[in-house]
Amino acid sequence: MKLDSSIAAIVTGAASGLGAATARALSEHGVKVAVFDLNASNGEALAVEIGGVFCAVDVTDEASVEAGFAKARAAHGQERVLVNCAGIAPAAKTVGRNRETGATRGHDMALFEKAIAINLVGTFRCLSKSAAGMATLDPIDGGGARGAIVNTASVAAQDGQIGQAAYAASKGGVLAMTLPVARDLMSEGIRVNCILPGIFETPMIAGMPQAVQDSLAAMVPFPKRLGKPEEYAKLALFLIEHNYMNGEGIRLDGAIRMGAK
């Protein structure tokens, strides 16, 4: 797919981090971008910066997502591109133990369900609604292409660490559904791919002490540093533009393989 001013795109979780970098990269190609996020101040500022439109969207809420798509399409027309970056990264062990008393406690189920609701169900909710809209469009080439979707999993989908049961389950689901969704949409000319980022310079990482950031960077074989959001965006655009990339999950991690902790 050629990215230019004739293309509309939606990026979820676009107010910061990987999503913001992707929204900027799409805009640099002339694409009309809708910024989906709950962070109104950052989202509005980014939309102004890139000449896009901000839509306050909670991916766990059906009505909120519907309203976001309606607003984006009213501004830019039906999108041919969706990049799902909205997500959270909770940490809690399946069984915790009080260090002083030795008392045990089970995983907070509300936290587990929240991770699944945002990372997995929210991703599917947005992609299914976007794909339904893309399917109404005329193909843009002789091969019948109508659109492209990129979802965000994590290396935790394959290398989940201690305390990442909820996160790994949610991201594992995003990875696992990539191929069947691509197969579901093959007759509609809509491609679906998935990126599994390693440790990136996101706002969550940036808020950690520098010593912790340095320790994380040292875990990466090469290049021995944290990933940059712009590098995620570059891969996302490659997956959108390359018409033969479909149904694939790609690690973007500097060859890291996460240990137990």
Protein backbone atom coordinates (compact mmCIF):
# COMPACT_ATOMS: atom_id res chain seq x y z
CA MET A 1 0.00 0.00 0.00
CA LYS A 2 1.36 3.38 -0.97
CA LEU A 3 1.08 5.81 1.93
CA ASP A 4 0.02 9.28 0.86
CA SER A 5 -2.68 11.90 1.37
CA SER A 6 -5.34 9.61 -0.11
CA ILE A 7 -5.02 7.28 2.90
CA ALA A 8 -6.71 7.67 6.28
CA ALA A 9 -5.35 5.89 9.36
CA ILE A 10 -6.31 5.31 12.97
CA VAL A 11 -3.72 4.70 15.70
CA THR A 12 -4.89 3.58 19.13
CA GLY A 13 -2.85 4.46 22.20
CA ALA A 14 -1.42 7.26 20.07
CA ALA A 15 -0.96 9.96 22.69
CA SER A 16 2.49 8.69 23.70
CA GLY A 17 5.21 6.11 23.13
CA LEU A 18 4.95 3.67 20.25
CA GLY A 19 1.57 4.99 19.12
CA ALA A 20 2.68 8.61 19.00
CA ALA A 21 5.78 7.72 16.98
CA THR A 22 3.63 5.76 14.54
CA ALA A 23 1.11 8.58 14.18
CA ARG A 24 3.94 11.01 13.41
CA ALA A 25 5.53 8.64 10.89
CA LEU A 26 2.24 8.13 9.06
CA SER A 27 1.64 11.88 9.01
CA GLU A 28 5.09 12.46 7.50
CA HIS A 29 3.92 10.39 4.53
CA GLY A 30 0.88 12.63 4.12
CA VAL A 31 -1.55 10.17 5.71
CA LYS A 32 -4.58 11.62 7.52
CA VAL A 33 -4.29 10.30 11.08
CA ALA A 34 -6.87 9.95 13.84
CA VAL A 35 -5.36 9.78 17.33
CA PHE A 36 -7.27 7.41 19.66
CA ASP A 37 -6.40 7.70 23.36
CA LEU A 38 -7.79 8.49 26.81
CA ASN A 39 -5.12 11.13 27.47
CA ALA A 40 -6.88 14.18 26.08
CA SER A 41 -4.13 16.73 26.71
CA ASN A 42 -1.38 14.73 25.00
CA GLY A 43 -3.72 13.42 22.33
CA GLU A 44 -5.04 16.85 21.38
CA ALA A 45 -1.51 18.27 21.26
CA LEU A 46 -0.32 15.48 18.97
CA ALA A 47 -3.33 15.86 16.69
CA VAL A 48 -2.58 19.57 16.32
CA GLU A 49 1.10 18.81 15.67
CA ILE A 50 0.41 16.35 12.86
CA GLY A 51 -2.72 17.97 11.47
CA GLY A 52 -4.87 15.04 12.54
CA VAL A 53 -7.95 14.59 14.69
CA PHE A 54 -8.09 13.48 18.33
CA CYS A 55 -10.75 11.03 19.47
CA ALA A 56 -11.15 10.31 23.18
CA VAL A 57 -11.49 6.53 23.14
CA ASP A 58 -11.61 3.84 25.81
CA VAL A 59 -10.93 0.61 23.92
CA THR A 60 -12.79 -1.39 26.59
CA ASP A 61 -16.02 0.53 25.98
CA GLU A 62 -18.13 -0.33 22.93
CA ALA A 63 -19.89 3.03 22.72
CA SER A 64 -16.62 4.93 23.13
CA VAL A 65 -14.98 2.99 20.31
CA GLU A 66 -18.01 3.42 18.05
CA ALA A 67 -17.97 7.17 18.68
CA GLY A 68 -14.25 7.34 17.98
CA PHE A 69 -14.57 5.61 14.63
CA ALA A 70 -17.51 7.81 13.70
CA LYS A 71 -15.56 10.98 14.51
CA ALA A 72 -12.43 9.81 12.69
CA ARG A 73 -14.38 8.81 9.58
CA ALA A 74 -16.36 12.06 9.56
CA ALA A 75 -13.07 13.96 9.52
CA HIS A 76 -10.98 11.80 7.17
CA GLY A 77 -13.22 9.22 5.52
CA GLN A 78 -13.01 5.45 5.94
CA GLU A 79 -9.55 4.40 7.15
CA ARG A 80 -7.45 1.90 5.22
CA VAL A 81 -4.89 1.61 8.02
CA LEU A 82 -5.26 0.69 11.69
CA VAL A 83 -2.36 0.39 14.13
CA ASN A 84 -3.29 -0.87 17.60
CA CYS A 85 -0.90 0.39 20.30
CA ALA A 86 -3.27 0.87 23.24
CA GLY A 87 -2.23 -1.29 26.18
CA ILE A 88 -1.11 -1.61 29.78
CA ALA A 89 1.65 -3.64 31.42
CA PRO A 90 0.55 -4.78 34.91
CA ALA A 91 2.82 -6.84 37.13
CA ALA A 92 1.67 -9.30 39.79
CA LYS A 93 2.63 -12.87 40.66
CA THR A 94 0.07 -15.65 40.41
CA VAL A 95 0.57 -16.20 44.15
CA GLY A 96 2.08 -13.49 46.29
CA ARG A 97 3.52 -13.87 49.77
CA ASN A 98 3.84 -11.30 52.53
CA ARG A 99 7.55 -11.09 53.35
CA GLU A 100 6.90 -10.42 57.03
CA THR A 101 4.09 -12.84 57.83
CA GLY A 102 4.47 -15.40 55.06
CA ALA A 103 0.75 -15.13 54.30
CA THR A 104 -0.21 -15.90 50.72
CA ARG A 105 -2.61 -14.12 48.42
CA GLY A 106 -3.91 -14.94 44.97
CA HIS A 107 -3.58 -12.74 41.89
CA ASP A 108 -5.91 -9.74 41.82
CA MET A 109 -8.50 -10.96 39.33
CA ALA A 110 -9.66 -7.46 38.54
CA LEU A 111 -6.12 -6.63 37.42
CA PHE A 112 -5.95 -9.79 35.28
CA GLU A 113 -9.29 -9.04 33.66
CA LYS A 114 -8.30 -5.41 33.03
CA ALA A 115 -5.16 -6.51 31.15
CA ILE A 116 -7.19 -8.87 28.98
CA ALA A 117 -9.92 -6.27 28.44
CA ILE A 118 -7.53 -3.57 27.24
CA ASN A 119 -4.72 -5.46 25.55
CA LEU A 120 -6.61 -8.32 23.92
CA VAL A 121 -10.34 -7.55 23.76
CA GLY A 122 -9.69 -3.87 23.07
CA THR A 123 -7.36 -4.74 20.22
CA PHE A 124 -9.89 -7.13 18.70
CA ARG A 125 -12.75 -4.69 19.17
CA CYS A 126 -10.92 -1.99 17.22
CA LEU A 127 -9.62 -4.28 14.48
CA SER A 128 -13.00 -5.91 13.87
CA LYS A 129 -14.76 -2.54 13.55
CA SER A 130 -12.01 -1.16 11.35
CA ALA A 131 -12.00 -4.23 9.12
CA ALA A 132 -15.78 -4.05 8.70
CA GLY A 133 -15.35 -0.51 7.43
CA MET A 134 -12.38 -1.34 5.19
CA ALA A 135 -14.39 -4.14 3.58
CA THR A 136 -16.82 -1.56 2.15
CA LEU A 137 -14.06 0.19 0.20
CA ASP A 138 -13.06 -0.40 -3.39
CA PRO A 139 -9.72 -2.21 -3.82
CA ILE A 140 -6.75 0.06 -4.38
CA ASP A 141 -4.84 -2.28 -6.67
CA GLY A 142 -5.30 -5.15 -9.08
CA GLY A 143 -4.72 -7.68 -6.30
CA GLY A 144 -7.81 -6.60 -4.38
CA ALA A 145 -6.06 -4.85 -1.46
CA ARG A 146 -8.35 -2.76 0.72
CA GLY A 147 -6.45 -2.16 3.94
CA ALA A 148 -3.83 -3.15 6.49
CA ILE A 149 -3.89 -3.67 10.25
CA VAL A 150 -0.91 -3.84 12.61
CA ASN A 151 -1.40 -5.05 16.18
CA THR A 152 1.03 -4.77 19.07
CA ALA A 153 1.89 -7.79 21.18
CA SER A 154 5.16 -8.06 23.15
CA VAL A 155 8.12 -10.38 23.55
CA ALA A 156 6.29 -11.32 26.76
CA ALA A 157 3.91 -13.27 24.53
CA GLN A 158 6.76 -15.76 24.16
CA ASP A 159 9.14 -14.90 27.04
CA GLY A 160 6.78 -13.94 29.86
CA GLN A 161 8.66 -13.21 33.07
CA ILE A 162 7.80 -13.60 36.73
CA GLY A 163 4.84 -11.37 37.51
CA GLN A 164 3.71 -11.18 33.87
CA ALA A 165 0.98 -13.81 33.82
CA ALA A 166 -1.75 -11.29 32.98
CA TYR A 167 0.38 -9.29 30.55
CA ALA A 168 1.78 -12.35 28.79
CA ALA A 169 -1.68 -13.91 28.49
CA SER A 170 -3.09 -10.76 26.92
CA LYS A 171 -0.20 -10.27 24.50
CA GLY A 172 -0.05 -13.98 23.73
CA GLY A 173 -3.66 -13.71 22.65
CA VAL A 174 -2.86 -10.80 20.34
CA LEU A 175 -0.11 -12.85 18.71
CA ALA A 176 -2.19 -16.03 18.50
CA MET A 177 -5.11 -14.35 16.76
CA THR A 178 -2.93 -12.79 14.04
CA LEU A 179 -3.04 -15.72 11.62
CA PRO A 180 -6.72 -16.65 12.04
CA VAL A 181 -7.79 -13.02 11.67
CA ALA A 182 -5.61 -12.67 8.56
CA ARG A 183 -7.32 -15.78 7.20
CA ASP A 184 -10.75 -14.44 8.12
CA LEU A 185 -10.04 -11.26 6.18
CA MET A 186 -8.24 -12.72 3.17
CA SER A 187 -11.31 -12.54 0.93
CA GLU A 188 -11.75 -8.88 1.91
CA GLY A 189 -8.23 -7.89 0.86
CA ILE A 190 -7.23 -6.82 4.37
CA ARG A 191 -3.82 -7.83 5.75
CA VAL A 192 -3.10 -8.29 9.46
CA ASN A 193 0.32 -8.40 11.09
CA CYS A 194 1.67 -8.20 14.62
CA ILE A 195 4.77 -6.62 16.18
CA LEU A 196 6.34 -8.03 19.35
CA PRO A 197 8.43 -5.18 20.82
CA GLY A 198 11.17 -5.82 23.34
CA ILE A 199 12.21 -3.15 25.86
CA PHE A 200 11.50 0.29 24.42
CA GLU A 201 11.93 3.89 25.52
CA THR A 202 8.29 4.40 26.45
CA PRO A 203 6.97 6.81 29.12
CA MET A 204 6.77 3.88 31.57
CA ILE A 205 10.46 3.07 31.12
CA ALA A 206 11.45 6.74 31.09
CA GLY A 207 9.94 7.12 34.57
CA MET A 208 12.30 4.51 36.01
CA PRO A 209 15.62 5.46 37.68
CA GLN A 210 18.48 5.79 35.21
CA ALA A 211 20.29 2.87 36.83
CA VAL A 212 17.30 0.64 36.12
CA GLN A 213 17.12 1.85 32.52
CA ASP A 214 20.81 1.15 32.07
CA SER A 215 20.37 -2.34 33.52
CA LEU A 216 17.53 -3.07 31.10
CA ALA A 217 19.55 -1.81 28.15
CA ALA A 218 22.48 -4.04 29.16
CA MET A 219 20.21 -7.09 28.76
CA VAL A 220 19.88 -6.48 25.02
CA PRO A 221 22.48 -8.43 22.99
CA PHE A 222 22.84 -5.88 20.18
CA PRO A 223 22.44 -3.03 19.77
CA LYS A 224 22.98 -2.76 23.52
CA ARG A 225 20.34 -0.16 24.21
CA LEU A 226 16.59 0.26 24.56
CA GLY A 227 14.49 0.34 21.43
CA LYS A 228 13.31 3.69 20.14
CA PRO A 229 9.62 4.32 19.40
CA GLU A 230 10.64 5.54 15.94
CA GLU A 231 12.04 2.06 15.24
CA TYR A 232 8.68 0.52 16.07
CA ALA A 233 7.00 3.04 13.76
CA LYS A 234 9.41 2.20 10.96
CA LEU A 235 8.50 -1.49 11.18
CA ALA A 236 4.78 -0.70 11.39
CA LEU A 237 5.00 1.32 8.17
CA PHE A 238 6.97 -1.47 6.49
CA LEU A 239 4.22 -3.95 7.35
CA ILE A 240 1.58 -1.57 6.01
CA GLU A 241 3.42 -0.82 2.77
CA HIS A 242 4.65 -4.35 1.96
CA ASN A 243 1.74 -6.05 0.23
CA TYR A 244 3.06 -9.59 0.73
CA MET A 245 3.44 -9.33 4.51
CA ASN A 246 0.41 -10.97 6.08
CA GLY A 247 -0.45 -13.09 9.11
CA GLU A 248 3.00 -12.60 10.63
CA GLY A 249 4.29 -11.85 14.13
CA ILE A 250 7.69 -10.13 14.16
CA ARG A 251 9.91 -9.64 17.20
CA LEU A 252 11.59 -6.24 17.39
CA ASP A 253 13.94 -6.68 20.32
CA GLY A 254 17.67 -6.53 19.55
CA ALA A 255 17.80 -10.35 19.90
CA ILE A 256 16.82 -10.29 23.56
CA ARG A 257 15.34 -13.40 25.12
CA MET A 258 13.86 -12.59 28.50
CA GLY A 259 14.88 -14.65 31.50
CA ALA A 260 12.56 -15.63 34.33
CA LYS A 261 13.13 -12.22 35.96
